[in-house]
Amino acid sequence: MNLASILTDSAARDPERVAVKLDDVELTYAQLDGACAHVVGLLRAHGFEPGDRVGIMLPNLPHFPICYTASCAPGESSCR
């Protein structure tokens, strides 16, 4: 089990529960899971394959957990 799998399970169990909150921005587990799936699709569309390394350099914004969790999706990377 990895971070992305835990997110998917949480989204299925309690989709409307807030997963990320920063200032006035809130993302539910369902929104976070959907955004992560979108980022995984973008990575693959741009030629990234499972096992490729992905660097993430973002400030403390809701985009960071989206991108980080997407990079942990099964077959994407090992989240190191």
N, C-alpha and C. Protein backbone atom coordinates (compact mmCIF):
# COMPACT_ATOMS: atom_id res chain seq x y z
N MET A 1 0.85 -1.18 0.00
CA MET A 1 0.00 0.00 0.00
C MET A 1 0.90 1.24 0.00
N ASN A 2 0.55 2.22 -0.83
CA ASN A 2 1.32 3.47 -0.88
C ASN A 2 0.39 4.67 -0.68
N LEU A 3 0.96 5.84 -0.70
CA LEU A 3 0.20 7.05 -0.43
C LEU A 3 -0.98 7.22 -1.38
N ALA A 4 -0.75 6.96 -2.66
CA ALA A 4 -1.83 7.12 -3.64
C ALA A 4 -2.96 6.12 -3.38
N SER A 5 -2.62 4.91 -2.99
CA SER A 5 -3.64 3.90 -2.68
C SER A 5 -4.44 4.29 -1.45
N ILE A 6 -3.76 4.84 -0.46
CA ILE A 6 -4.45 5.31 0.75
C ILE A 6 -5.42 6.43 0.39
N LEU A 7 -5.00 7.35 -0.48
CA LEU A 7 -5.88 8.44 -0.91
C LEU A 7 -7.10 7.90 -1.63
N THR A 8 -6.90 6.96 -2.54
CA THR A 8 -8.01 6.39 -3.29
C THR A 8 -9.00 5.70 -2.35
N ASP A 9 -8.47 4.96 -1.38
CA ASP A 9 -9.34 4.31 -0.39
C ASP A 9 -10.11 5.34 0.43
N SER A 10 -9.45 6.41 0.84
CA SER A 10 -10.11 7.47 1.63
C SER A 10 -11.18 8.16 0.80
N ALA A 11 -10.90 8.38 -0.48
CA ALA A 11 -11.89 9.03 -1.36
C ALA A 11 -13.12 8.15 -1.53
N ALA A 12 -12.92 6.85 -1.59
CA ALA A 12 -14.06 5.93 -1.72
C ALA A 12 -14.87 5.85 -0.43
N ARG A 13 -14.18 5.90 0.70
CA ARG A 13 -14.83 5.75 2.00
C ARG A 13 -15.55 7.03 2.43
N ASP A 14 -14.92 8.19 2.22
CA ASP A 14 -15.48 9.46 2.72
C ASP A 14 -15.14 10.59 1.75
N PRO A 15 -15.72 10.59 0.55
CA PRO A 15 -15.32 11.50 -0.51
C PRO A 15 -15.46 12.99 -0.19
N GLU A 16 -16.41 13.36 0.65
CA GLU A 16 -16.65 14.78 0.92
C GLU A 16 -15.86 15.31 2.12
N ARG A 17 -15.10 14.46 2.77
CA ARG A 17 -14.29 14.91 3.90
C ARG A 17 -13.11 15.74 3.40
N VAL A 18 -12.77 16.79 4.11
CA VAL A 18 -11.67 17.67 3.71
C VAL A 18 -10.34 16.95 3.91
N ALA A 19 -9.55 16.90 2.84
CA ALA A 19 -8.24 16.25 2.87
C ALA A 19 -7.12 17.27 2.99
N VAL A 20 -7.29 18.42 2.33
CA VAL A 20 -6.26 19.47 2.31
C VAL A 20 -6.93 20.79 2.60
N LYS A 21 -6.36 21.54 3.51
CA LYS A 21 -6.87 22.88 3.81
C LYS A 21 -5.68 23.81 3.96
N LEU A 22 -5.70 24.89 3.21
CA LEU A 22 -4.66 25.90 3.29
C LEU A 22 -5.32 27.26 3.09
N ASP A 23 -5.27 28.06 4.12
CA ASP A 23 -5.95 29.36 4.12
C ASP A 23 -7.43 29.14 3.80
N ASP A 24 -7.91 29.72 2.70
CA ASP A 24 -9.33 29.58 2.37
C ASP A 24 -9.60 28.50 1.31
N VAL A 25 -8.59 27.70 1.00
CA VAL A 25 -8.74 26.64 0.01
C VAL A 25 -8.92 25.30 0.72
N GLU A 26 -9.96 24.58 0.35
CA GLU A 26 -10.20 23.24 0.87
C GLU A 26 -10.40 22.28 -0.29
N LEU A 27 -9.77 21.12 -0.21
CA LEU A 27 -9.98 20.06 -1.19
C LEU A 27 -10.49 18.83 -0.46
N THR A 28 -11.54 18.25 -0.97
CA THR A 28 -12.05 17.01 -0.39
C THR A 28 -11.19 15.84 -0.89
N TYR A 29 -11.38 14.69 -0.26
CA TYR A 29 -10.65 13.50 -0.73
C TYR A 29 -11.00 13.19 -2.18
N ALA A 30 -12.25 13.36 -2.55
CA ALA A 30 -12.66 13.10 -3.94
C ALA A 30 -11.97 14.08 -4.90
N GLN A 31 -11.92 15.35 -4.53
CA GLN A 31 -11.26 16.34 -5.38
C GLN A 31 -9.76 16.07 -5.49
N LEU A 32 -9.14 15.74 -4.38
CA LEU A 32 -7.71 15.46 -4.37
C LEU A 32 -7.41 14.22 -5.21
N ASP A 33 -8.21 13.18 -5.06
CA ASP A 33 -8.02 11.96 -5.84
C ASP A 33 -8.19 12.23 -7.33
N GLY A 34 -9.20 13.01 -7.69
CA GLY A 34 -9.43 13.35 -9.09
C GLY A 34 -8.30 14.19 -9.67
N ALA A 35 -7.81 15.15 -8.89
CA ALA A 35 -6.70 15.99 -9.35
C ALA A 35 -5.43 15.17 -9.53
N CYS A 36 -5.20 14.22 -8.62
CA CYS A 36 -4.03 13.35 -8.74
C CYS A 36 -4.11 12.49 -10.00
N ALA A 37 -5.29 11.95 -10.26
CA ALA A 37 -5.48 11.13 -11.47
C ALA A 37 -5.23 11.97 -12.72
N HIS A 38 -5.64 13.23 -12.68
CA HIS A 38 -5.41 14.14 -13.80
C HIS A 38 -3.91 14.36 -14.02
N VAL A 39 -3.17 14.58 -12.94
CA VAL A 39 -1.72 14.81 -13.05
C VAL A 39 -1.02 13.55 -13.57
N VAL A 40 -1.45 12.38 -13.10
CA VAL A 40 -0.87 11.13 -13.61
C VAL A 40 -1.10 11.04 -15.12
N GLY A 41 -2.29 11.39 -15.57
CA GLY A 41 -2.57 11.40 -17.00
C GLY A 41 -1.70 12.37 -17.77
N LEU A 42 -1.48 13.55 -17.20
CA LEU A 42 -0.61 14.54 -17.85
C LEU A 42 0.83 14.04 -17.94
N LEU A 43 1.31 13.44 -16.86
CA LEU A 43 2.68 12.90 -16.88
C LEU A 43 2.82 11.85 -17.97
N ARG A 44 1.88 10.95 -18.05
CA ARG A 44 1.95 9.90 -19.07
C ARG A 44 1.81 10.48 -20.47
N ALA A 45 0.96 11.49 -20.63
CA ALA A 45 0.79 12.13 -21.95
C ALA A 45 2.07 12.84 -22.40
N HIS A 46 2.89 13.24 -21.44
CA HIS A 46 4.14 13.92 -21.78
C HIS A 46 5.34 12.96 -21.80
N GLY A 47 5.04 11.67 -21.85
CA GLY A 47 6.10 10.69 -22.07
C GLY A 47 6.70 10.07 -20.82
N PHE A 48 6.22 10.45 -19.64
CA PHE A 48 6.74 9.82 -18.43
C PHE A 48 6.17 8.41 -18.33
N GLU A 49 7.03 7.50 -17.93
CA GLU A 49 6.62 6.11 -17.77
C GLU A 49 6.78 5.69 -16.32
N PRO A 50 6.06 4.65 -15.90
CA PRO A 50 6.23 4.17 -14.53
C PRO A 50 7.71 3.91 -14.23
N GLY A 51 8.14 4.39 -13.08
CA GLY A 51 9.53 4.24 -12.67
C GLY A 51 10.40 5.45 -12.96
N ASP A 52 9.94 6.35 -13.86
CA ASP A 52 10.70 7.58 -14.13
C ASP A 52 10.70 8.46 -12.89
N ARG A 53 11.75 9.22 -12.72
CA ARG A 53 11.82 10.14 -11.59
C ARG A 53 11.16 11.46 -11.98
N VAL A 54 10.45 12.02 -11.02
CA VAL A 54 9.76 13.29 -11.22
C VAL A 54 10.18 14.23 -10.11
N GLY A 55 10.70 15.39 -10.48
CA GLY A 55 11.06 16.40 -9.48
C GLY A 55 9.89 17.34 -9.27
N ILE A 56 9.66 17.69 -8.02
CA ILE A 56 8.56 18.61 -7.70
C ILE A 56 9.14 19.75 -6.89
N MET A 57 9.00 20.97 -7.40
CA MET A 57 9.47 22.14 -6.68
C MET A 57 8.33 23.16 -6.66
N LEU A 58 7.59 23.14 -5.58
CA LEU A 58 6.44 24.02 -5.42
C LEU A 58 6.45 24.60 -4.02
N PRO A 59 5.90 25.80 -3.87
CA PRO A 59 5.74 26.34 -2.50
C PRO A 59 4.61 25.61 -1.78
N ASN A 60 4.37 26.01 -0.57
CA ASN A 60 3.34 25.38 0.25
C ASN A 60 1.95 25.80 -0.25
N LEU A 61 1.49 25.10 -1.28
CA LEU A 61 0.19 25.34 -1.90
C LEU A 61 -0.54 24.01 -2.03
N PRO A 62 -1.84 24.04 -2.23
CA PRO A 62 -2.57 22.78 -2.41
C PRO A 62 -2.06 21.95 -3.61
N HIS A 63 -1.37 22.58 -4.53
CA HIS A 63 -0.83 21.86 -5.69
C HIS A 63 0.25 20.85 -5.28
N PHE A 64 0.97 21.14 -4.19
CA PHE A 64 2.04 20.24 -3.80
C PHE A 64 1.54 18.85 -3.44
N PRO A 65 0.56 18.71 -2.52
CA PRO A 65 0.11 17.34 -2.22
C PRO A 65 -0.52 16.64 -3.43
N ILE A 66 -1.09 17.41 -4.34
CA ILE A 66 -1.65 16.81 -5.55
C ILE A 66 -0.52 16.19 -6.38
N CYS A 67 0.52 16.97 -6.64
CA CYS A 67 1.63 16.48 -7.47
C CYS A 67 2.41 15.38 -6.77
N TYR A 68 2.65 15.54 -5.48
CA TYR A 68 3.40 14.53 -4.74
C TYR A 68 2.65 13.20 -4.72
N THR A 69 1.37 13.25 -4.43
CA THR A 69 0.59 12.02 -4.38
C THR A 69 0.49 11.38 -5.76
N ALA A 70 0.36 12.20 -6.81
CA ALA A 70 0.32 11.66 -8.17
C ALA A 70 1.62 10.94 -8.50
N SER A 71 2.74 11.47 -8.03
CA SER A 71 4.02 10.82 -8.31
C SER A 71 4.14 9.49 -7.56
N CYS A 72 3.29 9.28 -6.56
CA CYS A 72 3.28 8.02 -5.79
C CYS A 72 2.27 7.02 -6.30
N ALA A 73 1.57 7.35 -7.36
CA ALA A 73 0.56 6.44 -7.89
C ALA A 73 1.21 5.11 -8.25
N PRO A 74 0.49 4.02 -8.10
CA PRO A 74 1.08 2.71 -8.40
C PRO A 74 1.77 2.68 -9.76
N GLY A 75 3.01 2.28 -9.73
CA GLY A 75 3.78 2.20 -10.96
C GLY A 75 4.45 3.50 -11.36
N GLU A 76 4.20 4.59 -10.63
CA GLU A 76 4.80 5.86 -11.02
C GLU A 76 6.21 6.02 -10.45
N SER A 77 6.38 5.95 -9.16
CA SER A 77 7.68 6.09 -8.53
C SER A 77 7.59 5.53 -7.12
N SER A 78 8.65 5.69 -6.38
CA SER A 78 8.63 5.17 -5.02
C SER A 78 8.49 6.28 -3.97
N CYS A 79 8.20 7.49 -4.39
CA CYS A 79 7.99 8.63 -3.47
C CYS A 79 9.21 8.89 -2.61
N ARG A 80 10.36 8.99 -3.21
CA ARG A 80 11.56 9.31 -2.44
C ARG A 80 12.04 10.69 -2.78
